[in-house]
């Protein structure tokens, strides 16, 4: 399967040498905000598709000292990098979490994952019984400006291997159709706070200003946002 081979044979690492580690502190802050907002205090946390493991490394500095963390990824290159972050509280495993059947977690993180999976519905259905709470981070690739530009969505497929493209409404409906109860969600302004490409810099101010007036309209019109969802 080409989409899976991309992560196993090193092609994804070649295209993204840092494996997005620079975004990890920012992602951890979004997760902590969601947990604090909803009073969720996990003792076990699993990151599915953990990459190089820096999100878990950031979280272990801010969650209960008794909390234990597990990271799963199918990429041997990612796990090799992640193991440098292993500790008594953080563990990594080269495995397909969707095929694991014997572990249960208080919190499962699925951060920028489902858009890469050919059959994400089956994955979501298998995942549901494996944890009490789940946090999903889903890029909202569908917007007026990405559809308007000839290669707006193709670029996401070529660089980041996105196979599926979501809006806020389709992301939430996908989780509900897979049997999840959505407890809370909010936009995360990745392009506003982290964007560094010429296009992101050009749209940074319009996105920032318009989002203070109407976040839904900004995401639909200009893009550049993801959705963080707490579900069970």
Foldseek 3Di string as FASTA:
>chain_A
DVLLVCQAVCVLCVLVVVQCLVCQLVVLVVVVVVCVVVVNAWQEEEEEQCFLPNNVVNNCVPGDVNRAYEYEHQHPVRVVNNCVSDDPRYYYDNDHVLPDDPAATQEYEYEQHLQSDPCSLSSLLSCPVRYNKYKYKFAQQAAQVLVVDPCSPVVCCVRVVGNDHHAPVVVVVSNVVSPKDWDDKDKDQCLLVPNDDPVSVVCNVVLVVVCVVPVNNSCRHPNRIIMIIMID
